[in-house]
Protein backbone atom coordinates (compact mmCIF):
# COMPACT_ATOMS: atom_id res chain seq x y z
CA MET A 1 8.42 -6.83 21.51
CA LYS A 2 4.72 -7.18 22.32
CA ALA A 3 2.65 -10.12 21.12
CA MET A 4 2.07 -9.69 17.41
CA ASP A 5 -1.36 -9.52 15.81
CA PRO A 6 -2.02 -12.76 13.84
CA SER A 7 -3.07 -10.71 10.82
CA SER A 8 0.36 -9.03 10.77
CA GLN A 9 2.03 -12.44 10.88
CA GLN A 10 -0.09 -13.58 7.97
CA ALA A 11 0.68 -10.39 6.05
CA GLY A 12 4.42 -10.75 6.63
CA ARG A 13 4.43 -14.34 5.43
CA GLN A 14 2.31 -13.44 2.41
CA ALA A 15 4.69 -10.60 1.50
CA MET A 16 7.67 -12.96 1.60
CA GLN A 17 5.85 -15.49 -0.59
CA TRP A 18 4.99 -12.81 -3.14
CA ALA A 19 8.61 -11.59 -3.13
CA GLU A 20 9.73 -15.13 -3.97
CA LEU A 21 7.21 -15.34 -6.80
CA LEU A 22 8.24 -11.95 -8.21
CA ALA A 23 11.86 -13.12 -8.23
CA GLN A 24 10.90 -15.81 -10.74
CA HIS A 25 10.30 -13.08 -13.33
CA THR A 26 13.86 -12.59 -14.56
CA GLU A 27 15.56 -11.98 -17.89
CA ALA A 28 18.70 -13.92 -17.06
CA ALA A 29 18.98 -17.56 -16.05
CA GLY A 30 20.46 -18.05 -12.59
CA MET A 31 20.13 -14.43 -11.51
CA LEU A 32 17.45 -11.81 -10.95
CA THR A 33 17.42 -9.09 -13.60
CA ARG A 34 14.20 -7.30 -14.54
CA THR A 35 14.52 -4.12 -16.57
CA TYR A 36 11.97 -1.62 -17.77
CA LEU A 37 9.21 -2.86 -20.12
CA THR A 38 10.87 -6.09 -21.17
CA PRO A 39 8.56 -9.13 -21.49
CA THR A 40 9.74 -10.26 -18.06
CA HIS A 41 8.93 -6.86 -16.59
CA GLN A 42 5.48 -7.01 -18.16
CA ALA A 43 4.92 -10.46 -16.64
CA ALA A 44 5.80 -9.08 -13.20
CA ALA A 45 3.31 -6.25 -13.75
CA ALA A 46 0.64 -8.81 -14.60
CA ALA A 47 1.39 -10.72 -11.38
CA LEU A 48 1.10 -7.54 -9.32
CA THR A 49 -2.18 -6.73 -11.04
CA GLN A 50 -3.56 -10.16 -10.14
CA TRP A 51 -2.50 -9.91 -6.48
CA MET A 52 -3.94 -6.42 -6.16
CA GLU A 53 -7.27 -7.50 -7.58
CA GLN A 54 -7.37 -10.53 -5.29
CA SER A 55 -6.71 -8.19 -2.33
CA GLY A 56 -9.68 -5.97 -3.08
CA LEU A 57 -7.98 -3.17 -5.01
CA ARG A 58 -9.17 -1.61 -8.26
CA VAL A 59 -6.20 -1.66 -10.63
CA ARG A 60 -5.08 0.60 -13.45
CA ARG A 61 -1.86 1.23 -15.38
CA ASP A 62 -0.58 4.56 -16.56
CA ASN A 63 1.47 5.29 -19.67
CA ALA A 64 4.79 4.82 -17.88
CA GLY A 65 3.74 1.26 -17.00
CA ASN A 66 3.11 1.89 -13.30
CA VAL A 67 0.73 -0.63 -11.70
CA ILE A 68 -1.63 1.30 -9.43
CA GLY A 69 -4.11 -0.32 -7.06
CA ARG A 70 -6.73 1.63 -5.14
CA TYR A 71 -8.25 0.33 -1.91
CA GLU A 72 -11.38 2.41 -1.63
CA ALA A 73 -12.26 4.40 1.46
CA ALA A 74 -15.27 3.80 3.68
CA PRO A 75 -18.58 5.04 2.22
CA GLY A 76 -18.73 8.81 2.16
CA CYS A 77 -14.93 9.18 2.27
CA GLU A 78 -14.13 8.17 -1.31
CA HIS A 79 -13.18 11.67 -2.44
CA ARG A 80 -10.70 12.36 0.34
CA PRO A 81 -6.95 12.50 -0.42
CA ALA A 82 -5.31 9.08 -0.45
CA LEU A 83 -2.56 7.64 1.68
CA VAL A 84 -0.16 6.50 -1.03
CA THR A 85 2.47 3.79 -0.67
CA GLY A 86 4.56 1.60 -2.95
CA SER A 87 8.00 1.17 -4.48
CA HIS A 88 9.58 -0.11 -7.70
CA PHE A 89 9.51 -3.54 -9.32
CA ASP A 90 12.38 -3.13 -11.78
CA THR A 91 15.79 -4.34 -10.59
CA VAL A 92 19.48 -3.85 -11.11
CA ARG A 93 21.36 -6.63 -12.87
CA ASN A 94 21.97 -9.69 -10.69
CA ALA A 95 19.74 -8.20 -8.01
CA GLY A 96 18.36 -9.22 -4.65
CA LYS A 97 14.70 -10.08 -4.08
CA TYR A 98 13.61 -7.33 -1.73
CA ASP A 99 14.92 -3.99 -2.98
CA GLY A 100 11.82 -2.16 -4.18
CA ASN A 101 9.64 -5.25 -4.28
CA LEU A 102 9.12 -5.31 -0.50
CA GLY A 103 7.58 -1.84 -0.61
CA ILE A 104 4.84 -3.09 -2.93
CA VAL A 105 4.03 -6.55 -1.58
CA LEU A 106 4.14 -5.75 2.14
CA PRO A 107 1.52 -2.96 2.10
CA LEU A 108 -0.49 -5.05 -0.34
CA ALA A 109 -0.43 -8.02 2.04
CA CYS A 110 -1.65 -5.77 4.87
CA ILE A 111 -4.51 -4.54 2.70
CA ALA A 112 -5.40 -8.14 1.84
CA GLN A 113 -5.93 -8.75 5.56
CA TRP A 114 -8.15 -5.67 5.92
CA HIS A 115 -10.11 -6.68 2.84
CA ARG A 116 -10.82 -10.13 4.28
CA ALA A 117 -11.99 -8.50 7.51
CA GLY A 118 -14.17 -5.99 5.64
CA LYS A 119 -12.20 -3.10 7.09
CA ARG A 120 -12.15 0.29 5.37
CA PHE A 121 -10.67 3.62 6.41
CA ALA A 122 -11.67 7.26 6.31
CA PHE A 123 -9.33 7.71 3.33
CA PRO A 124 -8.44 5.66 0.25
CA ILE A 125 -5.12 3.81 0.04
CA GLU A 126 -3.22 3.75 -3.25
CA VAL A 127 -0.46 1.16 -3.75
CA ILE A 128 1.87 1.89 -6.65
CA GLY A 129 4.23 -0.58 -8.25
CA PHE A 130 6.55 1.94 -9.88
CA ALA A 131 7.62 0.54 -13.23
CA GLU A 132 11.14 1.97 -13.22
CA GLU A 133 13.49 3.39 -10.62
CA GLU A 134 16.95 1.90 -11.19
CA GLY A 135 17.78 3.38 -14.62
CA VAL A 136 19.36 0.18 -15.92
CA ARG A 137 17.88 -0.11 -19.40
CA PHE A 138 17.67 3.53 -20.53
CA LYS A 139 20.09 5.23 -18.09
CA ALA A 140 17.34 7.42 -16.62
CA THR A 141 16.11 6.88 -13.08
CA LEU A 142 12.82 7.25 -11.17
CA LEU A 143 10.72 7.15 -14.35
CA GLY A 144 7.68 5.69 -12.60
CA SER A 145 7.55 8.04 -9.63
CA ARG A 146 8.47 11.06 -11.76
CA THR A 147 5.45 10.30 -13.96
CA VAL A 148 3.13 10.30 -10.95
CA ALA A 149 4.79 13.40 -9.48
CA GLY A 150 4.60 15.33 -12.75
CA THR A 151 8.38 15.75 -13.08
CA PHE A 152 9.02 13.28 -15.92
CA ASP A 153 11.52 14.74 -18.40
CA PRO A 154 10.27 13.98 -21.95
CA ALA A 155 13.82 14.31 -23.28
CA VAL A 156 14.66 10.86 -21.86
CA LEU A 157 12.15 9.29 -24.26
CA GLU A 158 14.92 9.45 -26.86
CA ASN A 159 17.40 7.49 -24.68
CA LEU A 160 18.49 4.21 -26.28
CA ASP A 161 19.01 0.82 -24.68
CA GLY A 162 21.88 -1.52 -25.53
CA GLU A 163 20.07 -2.76 -28.62
CA GLY A 164 19.36 0.69 -30.02
CA ILE A 165 15.69 0.73 -28.99
CA SER A 166 14.49 4.09 -27.74
CA MET A 167 12.41 4.46 -24.61
CA ARG A 168 9.66 5.92 -26.76
CA GLN A 169 9.64 2.79 -28.92
CA ALA A 170 9.66 0.49 -25.87
CA ILE A 171 6.69 2.28 -24.33
CA ARG A 172 4.72 2.00 -27.54
CA ALA A 173 5.65 -1.68 -27.94
CA ALA A 174 4.22 -2.28 -24.46
CA GLY A 175 0.87 -0.89 -25.61
CA LEU A 176 1.32 2.41 -23.78
CA ASP A 177 1.37 5.98 -25.08
CA PRO A 178 4.45 8.13 -24.41
CA ALA A 179 2.44 11.22 -25.34
CA GLY A 180 0.10 10.47 -22.45
CA ILE A 181 2.74 10.48 -19.71
CA ALA A 182 2.39 14.19 -18.96
CA GLY A 183 -1.32 13.71 -18.42
CA ASP A 184 -0.72 10.90 -15.91
CA ALA A 185 0.61 13.28 -13.27
CA TRP A 186 -1.34 13.29 -10.02
CA SER A 187 -2.67 16.40 -8.35
CA PRO A 188 -1.05 17.23 -5.00
CA ALA A 189 -4.58 17.64 -3.65
CA SER A 190 -5.20 13.92 -4.25
CA VAL A 191 -2.34 12.81 -1.98
CA ALA A 192 -2.51 12.95 1.80
CA ALA A 193 1.02 11.52 2.20
CA PHE A 194 3.41 9.03 0.63
CA VAL A 195 4.96 6.33 2.84
CA GLU A 196 7.54 3.93 1.37
CA VAL A 197 8.56 0.67 3.02
CA HIS A 198 12.07 -0.39 2.01
CA ILE A 199 14.92 -2.58 3.14
CA GLU A 200 17.66 -0.48 4.67
CA GLN A 201 20.33 -1.56 2.15
CA GLY A 202 22.91 -1.02 4.88
CA PRO A 203 24.16 -2.52 8.15
CA LEU A 204 23.01 -0.09 10.87
CA LEU A 205 19.77 -1.80 11.91
CA LEU A 206 21.43 -5.21 11.68
CA ASN A 207 24.38 -4.16 13.82
CA GLU A 208 22.11 -2.60 16.44
CA GLY A 209 19.73 -5.58 16.59
CA LEU A 210 16.70 -3.59 15.44
CA PRO A 211 14.14 -4.84 12.89
CA VAL A 212 12.88 -1.46 11.65
CA GLY A 213 13.85 2.21 11.65
CA VAL A 214 12.44 5.63 10.80
CA VAL A 215 14.12 7.50 7.95
CA THR A 216 14.89 11.15 8.68
CA ALA A 217 15.87 12.22 5.16
CA ILE A 218 16.97 10.84 1.83
CA SER A 219 20.49 12.07 1.21
CA GLY A 220 21.20 14.49 -1.59
CA ALA A 221 23.74 13.36 -4.18
CA SER A 222 26.25 14.96 -6.55
CA ARG A 223 27.81 12.78 -9.26
CA PHE A 224 30.52 13.47 -11.78
CA MET A 225 32.51 11.75 -14.50
CA ALA A 226 36.09 12.89 -14.95
CA GLU A 227 38.80 12.31 -17.54
CA VAL A 228 42.49 12.74 -16.80
CA ARG A 229 44.91 13.37 -19.68
CA GLY A 230 48.57 12.96 -18.93
CA LEU A 231 51.37 11.67 -21.14
CA ALA A 232 51.87 8.01 -21.96
CA GLY A 233 55.42 6.68 -21.84
CA HIS A 234 57.55 3.60 -21.48
CA ALA A 235 57.36 2.19 -17.95
CA GLY A 236 61.09 1.47 -17.93
CA THR A 237 62.50 4.64 -19.42
CA VAL A 238 60.49 7.57 -18.06
CA PRO A 239 61.94 8.70 -14.69
CA MET A 240 59.46 9.04 -11.85
CA HIS A 241 59.98 12.80 -11.46
CA LEU A 242 59.18 13.41 -15.13
CA ARG A 243 56.00 11.35 -15.31
CA ARG A 244 52.58 12.80 -16.07
CA ASP A 245 50.74 9.70 -14.93
CA ALA A 246 46.98 9.93 -15.44
CA ALA A 247 46.19 6.89 -13.28
CA MET A 248 48.21 8.09 -10.29
CA ALA A 249 46.50 11.48 -10.49
CA ALA A 250 43.11 9.73 -10.41
CA ALA A 251 44.24 7.53 -7.52
CA GLU A 252 45.38 10.54 -5.51
CA ILE A 253 42.00 12.19 -6.07
CA GLY A 254 40.28 9.02 -4.87
CA LEU A 255 42.29 9.02 -1.66
CA TYR A 256 41.43 12.68 -1.06
CA ILE A 257 37.72 11.92 -1.53
CA GLU A 258 38.04 9.16 1.05
CA ARG A 259 39.71 11.50 3.56
CA ARG A 260 37.44 14.48 2.95
CA CYS A 261 34.19 12.51 3.16
CA GLY A 262 35.29 10.59 6.23
CA ILE A 263 35.36 13.59 8.54
CA LYS A 264 31.63 13.80 9.29
CA PRO A 265 28.97 11.14 9.92
CA GLY A 266 26.36 11.00 7.18
CA LEU A 267 28.75 12.27 4.50
CA VAL A 268 30.04 9.63 2.05
CA GLY A 269 32.15 9.75 -1.08
CA THR A 270 32.79 7.03 -3.64
CA MET A 271 34.92 6.56 -6.73
CA GLY A 272 32.95 3.65 -8.16
CA ILE A 273 34.55 3.73 -11.61
CA LEU A 274 38.29 3.97 -12.16
CA GLU A 275 39.57 2.99 -15.58
CA VAL A 276 42.91 3.26 -17.32
CA VAL A 277 42.02 3.72 -20.97
CA GLN A 278 43.99 1.34 -23.19
CA GLY A 279 46.21 0.53 -20.25
CA ALA A 280 49.14 -1.88 -20.41
CA ALA A 281 51.48 -3.25 -17.75
CA ASN A 282 54.55 -1.64 -19.31
CA VAL A 283 53.09 1.78 -20.16
CA VAL A 284 52.81 4.90 -17.99
CA PRO A 285 49.07 5.70 -18.26
CA GLY A 286 48.26 8.69 -20.41
CA LEU A 287 44.49 8.60 -20.07
CA ALA A 288 42.24 7.62 -17.16
CA SER A 289 38.61 8.15 -16.29
CA PHE A 290 36.76 7.95 -13.01
CA SER A 291 33.47 8.72 -11.32
CA ILE A 292 32.71 10.71 -8.17
CA ASP A 293 29.61 10.20 -6.02
CA ILE A 294 29.20 12.40 -2.93
CA ARG A 295 26.11 12.16 -0.69
CA ALA A 296 24.96 13.63 2.61
CA GLU A 297 21.81 14.05 4.64
CA GLU A 298 22.52 17.79 4.86
CA ASP A 299 22.96 19.58 1.54
CA ALA A 300 25.41 22.06 3.04
CA ASP A 301 27.76 19.23 4.03
CA ARG A 302 27.55 17.69 0.57
CA LEU A 303 28.10 20.92 -1.31
CA ALA A 304 31.07 21.87 0.90
CA ALA A 305 32.68 18.50 0.22
CA VAL A 306 32.06 18.85 -3.53
CA ALA A 307 33.71 22.28 -3.53
CA ASP A 308 36.73 20.95 -1.64
CA VAL A 309 37.09 17.96 -3.95
CA ARG A 310 36.92 20.11 -7.06
CA ALA A 311 39.52 22.50 -5.63
CA GLU A 312 41.82 19.57 -4.79
CA ILE A 313 41.41 18.21 -8.31
CA GLU A 314 42.73 21.50 -9.68
CA ARG A 315 45.71 21.42 -7.31
CA ILE A 316 46.55 17.83 -8.18
CA ALA A 317 46.26 18.56 -11.91
CA ALA A 318 48.62 21.51 -11.64
CA ARG A 319 51.19 19.67 -9.52
CA ARG A 320 51.18 16.55 -11.70
CA GLN A 321 50.99 18.48 -14.98
CA VAL A 322 47.88 16.71 -16.23
CA SER A 323 44.58 18.07 -17.48
CA ILE A 324 41.37 16.93 -15.80
CA ASP A 325 37.95 17.48 -17.30
CA VAL A 326 35.08 17.09 -14.79
CA ARG A 327 31.50 16.76 -16.01
CA GLN A 328 28.53 16.73 -13.64
CA THR A 329 26.04 13.94 -14.38
CA HIS A 330 23.60 14.18 -11.49
CA GLU A 331 22.51 16.65 -8.82
CA ALA A 332 19.75 15.97 -6.32
CA ALA A 333 18.95 17.83 -3.15
CA SER A 334 18.30 16.08 0.13
CA VAL A 335 14.64 15.22 0.74
CA PRO A 336 13.61 15.47 4.41
CA CYS A 337 10.90 13.17 5.67
CA ALA A 338 7.93 14.99 7.20
CA PRO A 339 8.34 15.35 10.98
CA ARG A 340 4.68 14.48 11.65
CA LEU A 341 5.01 11.27 9.60
CA GLN A 342 8.29 10.40 11.33
CA ALA A 343 6.48 10.83 14.65
CA ALA A 344 3.60 8.64 13.45
CA LEU A 345 6.01 5.89 12.43
CA ALA A 346 7.80 6.20 15.76
CA ARG A 347 4.50 5.78 17.61
CA ALA A 348 3.67 2.73 15.50
CA ILE A 349 7.05 1.18 16.34
CA GLU A 350 6.63 1.93 20.04
CA ARG A 351 3.14 0.44 19.95
CA ALA A 352 4.74 -2.77 18.69
CA GLY A 353 6.99 -2.70 21.76
CA LEU A 354 10.18 -1.85 19.88
CA ALA A 355 12.90 0.75 20.29
CA VAL A 356 12.80 3.61 17.80
CA ARG A 357 15.86 4.28 15.65
CA HIS A 358 16.06 7.31 13.38
CA LEU A 359 18.53 7.15 10.49
CA PRO A 360 19.11 8.78 7.10
CA SER A 361 18.88 7.00 3.78
CA GLY A 362 22.05 7.23 1.75
CA ALA A 363 20.40 5.59 -1.25
CA GLY A 364 17.89 7.30 -3.53
CA HIS A 365 14.27 6.13 -3.52
CA ASP A 366 10.95 6.82 -5.21
CA ALA A 367 10.00 8.92 -2.20
CA MET A 368 12.44 11.55 -3.50
CA ALA A 369 10.30 12.12 -6.59
CA MET A 370 7.01 11.75 -4.73
CA ALA A 371 8.00 14.64 -2.45
CA ALA A 372 6.91 16.94 -5.28
CA LEU A 373 3.32 15.98 -4.38
CA GLY A 374 3.51 16.48 -0.62
CA GLU A 375 4.80 14.96 2.60
CA VAL A 376 6.81 11.72 2.45
CA ALA A 377 8.10 9.19 4.96
CA MET A 378 10.05 5.93 4.84
CA LEU A 379 10.07 2.84 7.05
CA PHE A 380 13.35 0.94 6.83
CA VAL A 381 13.40 -2.82 7.40
CA ARG A 382 16.53 -4.67 8.49
CA CYS A 383 18.37 -6.76 5.92
CA GLY A 384 20.88 -9.49 6.71
CA ASN A 385 24.28 -10.54 5.36
CA GLY A 386 25.97 -7.40 6.61
CA GLY A 387 23.31 -5.20 5.02
CA ILE A 388 24.30 -6.11 1.48
CA SER A 389 21.90 -5.05 -1.28
CA HIS A 390 21.80 -4.86 -5.09
CA HIS A 391 23.24 -8.38 -4.93
CA PRO A 392 21.81 -11.92 -4.88
CA ASP A 393 22.98 -12.28 -1.26
CA GLU A 394 20.51 -9.55 -0.22
CA THR A 395 18.25 -11.11 2.39
CA MET A 396 15.72 -10.41 5.12
CA SER A 397 13.79 -12.60 7.52
CA THR A 398 10.13 -13.52 7.56
CA GLU A 399 10.04 -12.39 11.20
CA ASP A 400 11.15 -8.89 10.21
CA ALA A 401 8.55 -8.84 7.43
CA CYS A 402 5.88 -9.64 10.03
CA ILE A 403 7.17 -6.87 12.31
CA ALA A 404 7.18 -4.40 9.42
CA ALA A 405 3.61 -5.41 8.60
CA GLU A 406 2.63 -4.79 12.23
CA VAL A 407 4.22 -1.34 12.20
CA PHE A 408 2.75 -0.39 8.82
CA SER A 409 -0.68 -1.56 9.96
CA HIS A 410 -0.43 0.53 13.14
CA LEU A 411 0.57 3.54 11.04
CA VAL A 412 -2.39 3.22 8.67
CA GLU A 413 -4.91 2.50 11.42
CA GLN A 414 -3.89 5.65 13.31
CA PHE A 415 -3.24 7.83 10.25
CA GLN A 416 -4.64 11.36 10.25
CA PRO A 417 -4.75 12.90 6.75
């Protein structure tokens, strides 16, 4: 790698310090949990507001609770479309410090350096702290970015949290107006591009010894919940050939998903939930439920795998004499990253003296929703501990934060709207 600009080093260190401070805003002692519009979440929004203002941004909040900071363009360029960046500041339960948060504090730290130097660009920069992406509290995802993109579904305002509070009520309690969300949508003409910085949440960059990578596409996803109904019986008296075992049917389906989704790189399948309802050690299971999650960079690969899995489910049900009800819960198409933005990120990485690695994102991100407004791109940053994420052992190094700041700075400084 080439010698790093001192301002990038300062930005990387500042981003890591802010990530540590954000992690102090948690709802649960001894772990990081920050869900949508709780008092802790509001405190994190206040911290982001303060840092944005200190960094020379003009800050506003919309009715979804997004924290939006605008770094104004050079004189005469104020009305040009903005380069937009950001990520989410809500978390999963027992989360890591960098998922989402890095994509807010790292660009912000770069802007702080430009502000101190009196540097402005021929376009504005908007940094968005998306208020909600994970879907933990109200079981609806990407609320912040969908608000900005104009794709927010008002039906989810009636979703209830674990205490019976509706999203509508929570938004009002936070001093916001749910009726104003539709009017908070941005015009596509106001956005030159959206670039999200994010930890990889996987092991590829770590295993290849690379600090950053260029995302090619955000994988599409199909998710289902299924219920298997067999016939419960005594574990000691029902012969094996007469059993209608719901759990074994579910297990066989899980093994097929593993085989089918293992035949092509970039295609993955997961049975993340597998439950024997009212199970007991001495009872042949009569009822089981499970989830299916199938993702791929190419939609054709994903849809072919889904069709094969559903056909195999029917065959297994018939052979084992069980009934299986499959209900789709989520469907999202793959979102390709703009080739010109991929090329710009690649040039920024090469300018830093690093090898360029292109890779897909298997996880969903705010960039998926923001694609409704125009071109999107993502810069992945290496994470340690085997690439673990959504876990307190999620980690990244200050050195990699500095490198990411260098690359992001190169991108912005050479950006052509």
